[in-house]
Protein backbone atom coordinates (compact mmCIF):
# COMPACT_ATOMS: atom_id res chain seq x y z
CA UNK A 1 47.31 171.66 -168.30
CA UNK A 2 47.11 169.07 -171.09
CA UNK A 3 48.58 166.10 -169.15
CA UNK A 4 49.99 164.13 -172.06
CA UNK A 5 47.16 164.48 -174.58
CA UNK A 6 48.33 164.70 -178.15
CA UNK A 7 46.85 167.06 -180.70
CA UNK A 8 45.38 164.05 -182.47
CA UNK A 9 43.59 162.86 -179.33
CA UNK A 10 42.27 166.37 -178.88
CA UNK A 11 40.96 166.58 -182.45
CA UNK A 12 39.39 163.12 -182.23
CA UNK A 13 37.58 164.11 -179.02
CA UNK A 14 35.72 166.94 -180.73
CA UNK A 15 32.49 165.30 -181.92
CA UNK A 16 31.29 168.37 -183.84
CA UNK A 17 34.52 168.45 -185.87
CA UNK A 18 34.54 164.70 -186.53
CA UNK A 19 31.04 164.80 -188.05
CA UNK A 20 32.16 167.42 -190.59
CA UNK A 21 35.30 165.62 -191.80
CA UNK A 22 34.80 162.28 -193.52
CA UNK A 23 37.64 159.82 -192.90
CA UNK A 24 39.20 161.78 -190.02
CA UNK A 25 40.06 158.50 -188.26
CA UNK A 26 42.21 157.42 -191.22
CA UNK A 27 44.07 160.72 -191.69
CA UNK A 28 47.81 161.00 -191.13
CA UNK A 29 49.32 163.41 -188.66
CA UNK A 30 50.42 165.81 -191.42
CA UNK A 31 46.92 165.76 -192.98
CA UNK A 32 45.36 166.65 -189.62
CA UNK A 33 47.89 169.44 -189.09
CA UNK A 34 47.22 170.88 -192.52
CA UNK A 35 43.45 170.62 -192.00
CA UNK A 36 43.47 172.71 -188.83
CA UNK A 37 46.76 174.55 -188.47
CA UNK A 38 45.41 177.11 -186.00
CA UNK A 39 44.26 174.54 -183.44
CA UNK A 40 47.49 172.58 -183.89
CA UNK A 41 49.45 175.76 -183.12
CA UNK A 42 47.31 176.54 -180.06
CA UNK A 43 47.69 172.97 -178.80
CA UNK A 44 51.47 173.06 -179.30
CA UNK A 45 51.79 176.37 -177.44
CA UNK A 46 49.71 175.11 -174.50
CA UNK A 47 51.72 171.88 -174.37
CA UNK A 48 55.01 173.81 -174.52
CA UNK A 49 53.96 176.22 -171.75
CA UNK A 50 52.92 173.30 -169.54
CA UNK A 51 56.25 171.53 -170.03
CA UNK A 52 58.20 174.77 -169.69
CA UNK A 53 56.52 175.83 -166.43
CA UNK A 54 56.55 172.34 -164.89
CA UNK A 55 60.08 171.19 -165.79
CA UNK A 56 62.11 174.30 -166.42
CA UNK A 57 60.73 177.32 -164.53
CA UNK A 58 59.77 175.38 -161.42
CA UNK A 59 61.77 177.17 -158.69
CA UNK A 60 61.68 174.20 -156.31
CA UNK A 61 62.93 171.40 -158.55
CA UNK A 62 63.37 172.58 -162.13
CA UNK A 63 65.66 170.40 -164.23
CA UNK A 64 68.13 173.26 -164.84
CA UNK A 65 68.03 174.67 -161.32
CA UNK A 66 66.83 178.25 -160.94
CA UNK A 67 66.35 179.91 -164.32
CA UNK A 68 66.87 183.67 -164.15
CA UNK A 69 66.05 184.51 -167.76
CA UNK A 70 65.09 182.71 -170.94
CA UNK A 71 64.26 183.16 -174.59
CA UNK A 72 62.41 180.74 -176.83
CA UNK A 73 61.11 180.72 -180.34
CA UNK A 74 58.47 178.38 -181.72
CA UNK A 75 58.99 177.31 -185.33
CA UNK A 76 57.04 175.03 -187.63
CA UNK A 77 58.36 172.66 -190.25
CA UNK A 78 56.72 172.39 -193.67
CA UNK A 79 54.65 169.40 -192.55
CA UNK A 80 53.27 171.34 -189.58
CA UNK A 81 55.40 169.92 -186.76
CA UNK A 82 56.20 172.52 -184.13
CA UNK A 83 59.51 172.72 -182.28
CA UNK A 84 61.30 175.26 -180.09
CA UNK A 85 64.71 176.82 -179.93
CA UNK A 86 65.39 177.82 -176.32
CA UNK A 87 68.12 179.66 -174.45
CA UNK A 88 68.30 179.65 -170.63
CA UNK A 89 70.35 181.79 -168.26
CA UNK A 90 70.83 180.58 -164.71
């Protein structure tokens, strides 16, 4: 589980990547997303699955009660920001 880490904290904690990219500490969020779209997507999916399993599909105390079925779709905006469209059936 990622426990609140952002994709930017994750990228900045990779010393081998930081040595290869001059000025990575001054880059904007959209520049970082564009630089490494695959890792941003992987991070978003892991973060989403953590939130989904912990808050929504938790049978004991999920925020929507017991969820019997669900559908979600991950989409990305032009600047690289991921978001989901989700449908729950209880």
